[in-house]
Amino acid sequence: RLGRLERISVAVRVRPEATGGAHGEPGAGRQIICGGQTFAFDSVFGEGASQIEVFDELRVDDIVHGALAGVNGSVLAYGQTGAGKTHTMVGSNGADDATLTEDAGLIPRALCTLFSAADAQCAGG
């Protein structure tokens, strides 16, 4: 079940261009074209990618289930200020909102997966 998760994968999410900022755009396949150079990644998400697309493509649910089975795993967001790390990881759910919305980020989705697995384990055992 872990397969692809047994190695480090690098993904990039392109956000809309900020005024005066650097800009990359998805190229063919899993590439980004920026400043005339092409960079290859394991996954590339365009600015129209939904939170669930990112969650599913990165297989965060498999990372959570792997962690429950004793396998180390992590999801790391890295980038400059304003690049969209918080949006990708947290989304726009309010701190008091207990429901998982379409715009929920990777962390709330991973926690939902974790608690669903815990409920299933408690019900089965």
Foldseek 3Di string as FASTA:
>chain_A
DCVVVVDDFDEEEFADDDVPDWHWADDPDQWIATPNDIDGGPYYHYNPDWQVNVCVVVVLLVQLVVVVVPDDDDDDDDDDPPRCRCQQAAFPDDPPDPDDDRSGHNPSVSVVSNVVVVVVVVVVD
